N, C-alpha and C. Protein backbone atom coordinates (compact mmCIF):
# COMPACT_ATOMS: atom_id res chain seq x y z
N UNK A 1 51.88 79.98 137.16
CA UNK A 1 52.28 80.64 135.95
C UNK A 1 53.76 80.96 136.03
N UNK A 2 54.42 80.66 134.94
CA UNK A 2 55.84 80.90 134.85
C UNK A 2 56.11 81.94 133.76
N UNK A 3 56.78 82.99 134.14
CA UNK A 3 57.24 84.00 133.17
C UNK A 3 58.75 84.05 133.30
N UNK A 4 59.39 83.55 132.28
CA UNK A 4 60.87 83.55 132.25
C UNK A 4 61.35 84.74 131.46
N UNK A 5 62.34 85.41 131.98
CA UNK A 5 62.88 86.58 131.29
C UNK A 5 64.40 86.44 131.17
N UNK A 6 64.87 86.65 129.97
CA UNK A 6 66.33 86.63 129.73
C UNK A 6 66.71 87.91 129.02
N UNK A 7 67.72 88.58 129.55
CA UNK A 7 68.21 89.83 128.99
C UNK A 7 69.56 89.56 128.31
N UNK A 8 69.58 89.62 126.96
CA UNK A 8 70.81 89.36 126.25
C UNK A 8 71.39 90.63 125.62
N UNK A 9 71.06 91.75 126.18
CA UNK A 9 71.66 93.01 125.73
C UNK A 9 72.14 93.77 126.96
N UNK A 10 73.09 94.66 126.75
CA UNK A 10 73.62 95.37 127.92
C UNK A 10 73.57 96.86 127.78
N UNK A 11 72.96 97.36 126.75
CA UNK A 11 72.96 98.80 126.51
C UNK A 11 71.93 99.56 127.35
N UNK A 12 70.79 98.92 127.59
CA UNK A 12 69.68 99.56 128.29
C UNK A 12 69.34 98.80 129.56
N UNK A 13 69.13 99.53 130.65
CA UNK A 13 68.77 98.91 131.91
C UNK A 13 67.37 98.33 131.84
N UNK A 14 67.25 97.12 132.32
CA UNK A 14 65.99 96.40 132.28
C UNK A 14 65.70 95.85 133.70
N UNK A 15 64.50 96.10 134.19
CA UNK A 15 64.09 95.54 135.47
C UNK A 15 63.27 94.27 135.20
N UNK A 16 63.92 93.13 135.41
CA UNK A 16 63.22 91.86 135.19
C UNK A 16 61.98 91.76 136.08
N UNK A 17 62.13 92.25 137.31
CA UNK A 17 61.02 92.17 138.25
C UNK A 17 59.81 92.94 137.75
N UNK A 18 60.01 94.16 137.22
CA UNK A 18 58.91 94.95 136.73
C UNK A 18 58.30 94.31 135.47
N UNK A 19 59.16 93.79 134.61
CA UNK A 19 58.62 93.14 133.39
C UNK A 19 57.80 91.93 133.79
N UNK A 20 58.28 91.17 134.72
CA UNK A 20 57.54 89.99 135.18
C UNK A 20 56.19 90.37 135.76
N UNK A 21 56.17 91.43 136.56
CA UNK A 21 54.90 91.91 137.16
C UNK A 21 53.93 92.35 136.05
N UNK A 22 54.45 93.09 135.07
CA UNK A 22 53.59 93.55 133.96
C UNK A 22 53.08 92.36 133.16
N UNK A 23 53.92 91.40 132.88
CA UNK A 23 53.52 90.22 132.10
C UNK A 23 52.43 89.44 132.86
N UNK A 24 52.59 89.27 134.15
CA UNK A 24 51.57 88.56 134.94
C UNK A 24 50.24 89.34 134.92
N UNK A 25 50.32 90.68 135.04
CA UNK A 25 49.10 91.49 135.00
C UNK A 25 48.40 91.36 133.65
N UNK A 26 49.21 91.40 132.58
CA UNK A 26 48.65 91.27 131.23
C UNK A 26 47.96 89.92 131.06
N UNK A 27 48.64 88.85 131.49
CA UNK A 27 48.06 87.50 131.37
C UNK A 27 46.79 87.38 132.19
N UNK A 28 46.78 87.99 133.38
CA UNK A 28 45.57 87.90 134.22
C UNK A 28 44.40 88.62 133.60
N UNK A 29 44.65 89.81 133.07
CA UNK A 29 43.54 90.56 132.47
C UNK A 29 43.03 89.88 131.21
N UNK A 30 43.88 89.10 130.56
CA UNK A 30 43.48 88.36 129.37
C UNK A 30 42.85 87.02 129.75
N UNK A 31 42.71 86.75 131.05
CA UNK A 31 42.13 85.52 131.55
C UNK A 31 43.00 84.29 131.26
N UNK A 32 44.30 84.50 131.34
CA UNK A 32 45.28 83.43 131.22
C UNK A 32 46.22 83.44 132.43
N UNK A 33 45.67 83.40 133.65
CA UNK A 33 46.52 83.58 134.83
C UNK A 33 47.54 82.46 135.03
N UNK A 34 47.29 81.27 134.44
CA UNK A 34 48.21 80.15 134.62
C UNK A 34 49.11 79.93 133.43
N UNK A 35 49.06 80.83 132.45
CA UNK A 35 49.85 80.66 131.25
C UNK A 35 51.34 80.85 131.53
N UNK A 36 52.14 80.24 130.66
CA UNK A 36 53.57 80.34 130.72
C UNK A 36 54.07 81.03 129.48
N UNK A 37 55.10 81.86 129.64
CA UNK A 37 55.73 82.44 128.48
C UNK A 37 57.17 82.82 128.83
N UNK A 38 57.93 83.03 127.78
CA UNK A 38 59.28 83.54 128.02
C UNK A 38 59.40 84.86 127.28
N UNK A 39 60.21 85.73 127.87
CA UNK A 39 60.46 87.04 127.30
C UNK A 39 61.96 87.16 127.12
N UNK A 40 62.38 87.42 125.90
CA UNK A 40 63.77 87.58 125.59
C UNK A 40 64.02 89.03 125.16
N UNK A 41 64.97 89.68 125.84
CA UNK A 41 65.28 91.07 125.53
C UNK A 41 66.63 91.09 124.81
N UNK A 42 66.66 91.63 123.63
CA UNK A 42 67.86 91.57 122.80
C UNK A 42 68.17 93.00 122.27
N UNK A 43 69.24 93.06 121.47
CA UNK A 43 69.56 94.32 120.78
C UNK A 43 69.10 94.23 119.32
N UNK A 44 69.28 95.28 118.56
CA UNK A 44 68.81 95.32 117.18
C UNK A 44 69.46 94.24 116.31
N UNK A 45 70.74 94.02 116.52
CA UNK A 45 71.43 93.02 115.71
C UNK A 45 70.83 91.61 115.93
N UNK A 46 70.56 91.27 117.16
CA UNK A 46 70.03 89.96 117.47
C UNK A 46 68.62 89.79 116.95
N UNK A 47 67.77 90.82 117.06
CA UNK A 47 66.41 90.68 116.58
C UNK A 47 66.36 90.70 115.05
N UNK A 48 67.32 91.41 114.43
CA UNK A 48 67.38 91.40 112.96
C UNK A 48 67.68 90.00 112.47
N UNK A 49 68.57 89.27 113.14
CA UNK A 49 68.86 87.89 112.76
C UNK A 49 67.61 87.01 112.86
N UNK A 50 66.88 87.14 113.97
CA UNK A 50 65.66 86.38 114.15
C UNK A 50 64.59 86.76 113.11
N UNK A 51 64.50 88.04 112.83
CA UNK A 51 63.53 88.54 111.87
C UNK A 51 63.81 87.95 110.48
N UNK A 52 65.10 87.86 110.10
CA UNK A 52 65.49 87.31 108.81
C UNK A 52 65.27 85.79 108.81
N UNK A 53 65.72 85.13 109.84
CA UNK A 53 65.69 83.66 109.91
C UNK A 53 64.26 83.12 109.94
N UNK A 54 63.39 83.72 110.74
CA UNK A 54 62.06 83.13 110.96
C UNK A 54 60.93 83.81 110.18
N UNK A 55 61.13 85.11 109.83
CA UNK A 55 60.07 85.83 109.13
C UNK A 55 60.49 86.28 107.73
N UNK A 56 61.76 85.99 107.37
CA UNK A 56 62.30 86.34 106.07
C UNK A 56 62.14 87.85 105.81
N UNK A 57 62.38 88.65 106.86
CA UNK A 57 62.32 90.09 106.74
C UNK A 57 63.69 90.67 107.13
N UNK A 58 64.10 91.67 106.39
CA UNK A 58 65.42 92.28 106.65
C UNK A 58 65.33 93.35 107.74
N UNK A 59 66.36 93.45 108.51
CA UNK A 59 66.49 94.52 109.49
C UNK A 59 65.86 94.22 110.81
N UNK A 60 66.12 95.12 111.77
CA UNK A 60 65.56 94.93 113.09
C UNK A 60 64.09 95.33 113.14
N UNK A 61 63.40 94.80 114.11
CA UNK A 61 62.03 95.17 114.39
C UNK A 61 61.93 95.35 115.92
N UNK A 62 60.82 95.79 116.42
CA UNK A 62 60.72 96.06 117.84
C UNK A 62 60.30 94.83 118.64
N UNK A 63 59.42 93.97 118.08
CA UNK A 63 58.94 92.81 118.82
C UNK A 63 58.61 91.68 117.84
N UNK A 64 58.95 90.47 118.24
CA UNK A 64 58.54 89.27 117.50
C UNK A 64 57.96 88.29 118.51
N UNK A 65 56.89 87.62 118.10
CA UNK A 65 56.27 86.62 118.98
C UNK A 65 56.29 85.27 118.30
N UNK A 66 56.64 84.26 119.06
CA UNK A 66 56.67 82.87 118.58
C UNK A 66 55.64 82.10 119.40
N UNK A 67 54.47 81.91 118.78
CA UNK A 67 53.33 81.26 119.50
C UNK A 67 53.51 79.76 119.56
N UNK A 68 53.14 79.20 120.70
CA UNK A 68 53.19 77.77 120.90
C UNK A 68 51.77 77.19 120.96
N UNK A 69 50.79 77.99 120.68
CA UNK A 69 49.38 77.56 120.73
C UNK A 69 48.84 77.24 119.34
N UNK A 70 49.75 76.88 118.46
CA UNK A 70 49.41 76.52 117.09
C UNK A 70 49.95 75.15 116.78
N UNK A 71 49.36 74.49 115.82
CA UNK A 71 49.92 73.22 115.37
C UNK A 71 49.36 72.01 116.07
N UNK A 72 49.82 70.85 115.67
CA UNK A 72 49.22 69.59 116.16
C UNK A 72 49.60 69.19 117.56
N UNK A 73 50.58 69.86 118.18
CA UNK A 73 51.04 69.40 119.51
C UNK A 73 50.68 70.37 120.63
N UNK A 74 49.66 71.19 120.43
CA UNK A 74 49.26 72.16 121.43
C UNK A 74 48.89 71.51 122.75
N UNK A 75 48.28 70.34 122.69
CA UNK A 75 47.81 69.68 123.91
C UNK A 75 48.95 69.19 124.79
N UNK A 76 50.14 69.12 124.29
CA UNK A 76 51.29 68.68 125.11
C UNK A 76 51.55 69.64 126.25
N UNK A 77 51.48 70.95 125.97
CA UNK A 77 51.72 71.98 126.99
C UNK A 77 50.70 73.09 126.78
N UNK A 78 49.46 72.87 127.17
CA UNK A 78 48.38 73.83 126.88
C UNK A 78 48.57 75.21 127.55
N UNK A 79 49.35 75.28 128.62
CA UNK A 79 49.55 76.55 129.29
C UNK A 79 50.73 77.34 128.72
N UNK A 80 51.51 76.73 127.83
CA UNK A 80 52.68 77.38 127.28
C UNK A 80 52.25 78.24 126.07
N UNK A 81 52.28 79.55 126.25
CA UNK A 81 51.88 80.48 125.17
C UNK A 81 52.97 80.65 124.11
N UNK A 82 54.20 80.78 124.57
CA UNK A 82 55.27 80.95 123.60
C UNK A 82 56.30 81.95 124.09
N UNK A 83 56.99 82.57 123.11
CA UNK A 83 58.09 83.48 123.40
C UNK A 83 57.82 84.84 122.79
N UNK A 84 58.17 85.89 123.56
CA UNK A 84 58.10 87.25 123.07
C UNK A 84 59.53 87.76 123.09
N UNK A 85 60.00 88.27 121.94
CA UNK A 85 61.34 88.80 121.83
C UNK A 85 61.20 90.31 121.56
N UNK A 86 61.86 91.13 122.40
CA UNK A 86 61.77 92.57 122.27
C UNK A 86 63.17 93.14 122.13
N UNK A 87 63.37 94.02 121.16
CA UNK A 87 64.61 94.73 121.02
C UNK A 87 64.59 95.96 121.92
N UNK A 88 65.49 95.95 122.89
CA UNK A 88 65.57 97.11 123.82
C UNK A 88 66.02 98.36 123.04
N UNK A 89 66.90 98.16 122.06
CA UNK A 89 67.38 99.29 121.27
C UNK A 89 66.24 99.92 120.45
N UNK A 90 65.46 99.08 119.76
CA UNK A 90 64.33 99.59 119.00
C UNK A 90 63.32 100.25 119.92
N UNK A 91 63.05 99.62 121.05
CA UNK A 91 62.06 100.17 122.01
C UNK A 91 62.52 101.55 122.47
N UNK A 92 63.80 101.67 122.80
CA UNK A 92 64.32 102.97 123.26
C UNK A 92 64.24 104.03 122.14
N UNK A 93 64.67 103.68 120.95
CA UNK A 93 64.67 104.60 119.85
C UNK A 93 63.22 105.04 119.48
N UNK A 94 62.33 104.08 119.37
CA UNK A 94 60.96 104.39 118.98
C UNK A 94 60.22 105.16 120.07
N UNK A 95 60.50 104.84 121.33
CA UNK A 95 59.88 105.59 122.43
C UNK A 95 60.31 107.06 122.37
N UNK A 96 61.58 107.25 122.14
CA UNK A 96 62.10 108.63 122.07
C UNK A 96 61.43 109.39 120.93
N UNK A 97 61.29 108.77 119.77
CA UNK A 97 60.67 109.48 118.65
C UNK A 97 59.16 109.70 118.85
N UNK A 98 58.53 108.86 119.68
CA UNK A 98 57.11 109.02 120.00
C UNK A 98 56.87 109.88 121.23
N UNK A 99 57.99 110.38 121.82
CA UNK A 99 57.93 111.19 123.03
C UNK A 99 57.29 110.45 124.19
N UNK A 100 57.65 109.18 124.32
CA UNK A 100 57.19 108.36 125.42
C UNK A 100 58.40 107.90 126.23
N UNK A 101 58.14 107.49 127.45
CA UNK A 101 59.24 106.88 128.22
C UNK A 101 59.48 105.49 127.66
N UNK A 102 60.72 105.04 127.76
CA UNK A 102 61.04 103.67 127.27
C UNK A 102 60.24 102.64 128.01
N UNK A 103 60.01 102.84 129.30
CA UNK A 103 59.23 101.87 130.09
C UNK A 103 57.80 101.72 129.59
N UNK A 104 57.17 102.86 129.27
CA UNK A 104 55.79 102.85 128.77
C UNK A 104 55.74 102.14 127.41
N UNK A 105 56.69 102.48 126.55
CA UNK A 105 56.70 101.89 125.22
C UNK A 105 57.02 100.38 125.30
N UNK A 106 57.91 100.02 126.18
CA UNK A 106 58.23 98.62 126.40
C UNK A 106 56.98 97.83 126.83
N UNK A 107 56.19 98.43 127.72
CA UNK A 107 54.93 97.80 128.15
C UNK A 107 54.00 97.58 126.95
N UNK A 108 53.94 98.58 126.06
CA UNK A 108 53.09 98.46 124.89
C UNK A 108 53.58 97.34 123.98
N UNK A 109 54.89 97.22 123.83
CA UNK A 109 55.43 96.15 122.99
C UNK A 109 55.19 94.79 123.62
N UNK A 110 55.28 94.70 124.96
CA UNK A 110 55.02 93.46 125.64
C UNK A 110 53.57 93.03 125.45
N UNK A 111 52.65 93.95 125.60
CA UNK A 111 51.23 93.68 125.33
C UNK A 111 51.04 93.21 123.91
N UNK A 112 51.62 93.91 122.99
CA UNK A 112 51.51 93.57 121.56
C UNK A 112 52.00 92.15 121.32
N UNK A 113 53.15 91.80 121.86
CA UNK A 113 53.72 90.47 121.66
C UNK A 113 52.83 89.39 122.27
N UNK A 114 52.33 89.62 123.47
CA UNK A 114 51.48 88.63 124.12
C UNK A 114 50.17 88.46 123.35
N UNK A 115 49.62 89.54 122.82
CA UNK A 115 48.41 89.41 122.01
C UNK A 115 48.67 88.56 120.77
N UNK A 116 49.83 88.72 120.16
CA UNK A 116 50.18 87.86 119.02
C UNK A 116 50.22 86.38 119.46
N UNK A 117 50.75 86.11 120.65
CA UNK A 117 50.80 84.71 121.13
C UNK A 117 49.41 84.13 121.25
N UNK A 118 48.44 84.99 121.49
CA UNK A 118 47.05 84.52 121.68
C UNK A 118 46.25 84.58 120.37
N UNK A 119 46.91 84.82 119.27
CA UNK A 119 46.27 84.75 117.97
C UNK A 119 45.80 86.06 117.38
N UNK A 120 45.99 87.16 118.07
CA UNK A 120 45.64 88.45 117.51
C UNK A 120 46.60 88.78 116.39
N UNK A 121 46.06 89.39 115.33
CA UNK A 121 46.90 89.71 114.18
C UNK A 121 46.50 91.07 113.61
N UNK A 122 47.46 91.81 113.13
CA UNK A 122 47.18 93.14 112.57
C UNK A 122 47.68 93.26 111.16
N UNK A 123 48.29 92.26 110.66
CA UNK A 123 48.96 92.38 109.35
C UNK A 123 48.07 92.04 108.15
N UNK A 124 47.08 91.20 108.32
CA UNK A 124 46.35 90.70 107.16
C UNK A 124 44.91 91.20 107.04
N UNK A 125 44.42 91.88 108.08
CA UNK A 125 42.99 92.26 108.08
C UNK A 125 42.82 93.52 108.91
N UNK A 126 42.27 94.57 108.33
CA UNK A 126 42.15 95.83 109.05
C UNK A 126 41.16 95.71 110.20
N UNK A 127 40.13 94.89 110.04
CA UNK A 127 39.18 94.68 111.14
C UNK A 127 39.88 94.01 112.34
N UNK A 128 40.69 93.00 112.05
CA UNK A 128 41.47 92.32 113.12
C UNK A 128 42.48 93.26 113.73
N UNK A 129 43.06 94.11 112.92
CA UNK A 129 44.05 95.09 113.42
C UNK A 129 43.36 96.04 114.38
N UNK A 130 42.14 96.44 114.06
CA UNK A 130 41.39 97.33 114.95
C UNK A 130 41.06 96.64 116.27
N UNK A 131 40.66 95.38 116.19
CA UNK A 131 40.35 94.58 117.43
C UNK A 131 41.59 94.49 118.30
N UNK A 132 42.74 94.22 117.65
CA UNK A 132 44.00 94.07 118.39
C UNK A 132 44.37 95.39 119.06
N UNK A 133 44.22 96.49 118.34
CA UNK A 133 44.56 97.80 118.90
C UNK A 133 43.65 98.13 120.08
N UNK A 134 42.36 97.86 119.94
CA UNK A 134 41.40 98.12 121.05
C UNK A 134 41.78 97.29 122.25
N UNK A 135 42.06 96.03 122.07
CA UNK A 135 42.41 95.13 123.18
C UNK A 135 43.71 95.61 123.84
N UNK A 136 44.68 95.99 123.03
CA UNK A 136 45.96 96.48 123.57
C UNK A 136 45.75 97.73 124.42
N UNK A 137 44.91 98.64 123.94
CA UNK A 137 44.62 99.84 124.71
C UNK A 137 43.90 99.55 126.02
N UNK A 138 42.97 98.61 125.99
CA UNK A 138 42.28 98.22 127.25
C UNK A 138 43.27 97.66 128.26
N UNK A 139 44.15 96.79 127.77
CA UNK A 139 45.14 96.17 128.67
C UNK A 139 46.09 97.21 129.21
N UNK A 140 46.56 98.08 128.32
CA UNK A 140 47.48 99.10 128.76
C UNK A 140 46.88 99.99 129.81
N UNK A 141 45.64 100.40 129.62
CA UNK A 141 44.93 101.22 130.62
C UNK A 141 44.84 100.50 131.93
N UNK A 142 44.55 99.19 131.90
CA UNK A 142 44.44 98.42 133.13
C UNK A 142 45.81 98.34 133.84
N UNK A 143 46.87 97.96 133.12
CA UNK A 143 48.15 97.78 133.85
C UNK A 143 48.71 99.14 134.30
N UNK A 144 48.38 100.19 133.57
CA UNK A 144 48.82 101.53 133.96
C UNK A 144 48.19 101.93 135.27
N UNK A 145 46.98 101.45 135.53
CA UNK A 145 46.28 101.80 136.75
C UNK A 145 46.71 100.99 137.97
N UNK A 146 47.50 99.94 137.72
CA UNK A 146 47.94 99.06 138.82
C UNK A 146 49.04 99.73 139.63
N UNK A 147 49.02 99.56 140.95
CA UNK A 147 50.08 100.17 141.77
C UNK A 147 51.40 99.49 141.52
N UNK A 148 52.44 100.29 141.49
CA UNK A 148 53.79 99.75 141.29
C UNK A 148 54.25 99.13 142.59
N UNK A 149 54.97 98.02 142.50
CA UNK A 149 55.47 97.41 143.75
C UNK A 149 56.94 97.26 143.73
């Protein structure tokens, strides 16, 4: 399993090692231990550009997922799940307003993004949104219980 992480922002400290460990734990609990994904950490300006370009939405958001398990060429790289893009600025700001640590909130966003890569959706169906939230909570409880290394 390959988890590639690129940090393109400099405002908030990011531990690539911890993010990689969390991503591997998330993929394992989802029964995708051999899956590949990339995680891109950006600032609000960068994610706002992606949000406009690919989703036709204005402004920054906290996480965007680009799934590679869709379309006619899935069989070319069946282990490649896709890309998760997280705004460190949005994560920090939203964590603060929710009275959470940035690290905890970042983990929640990472889970959310990976679930999107696997086809979970919360925008079009309340039943699916509930399933996604339940799964995210299960995963979060699991990774929270894992010893830090």
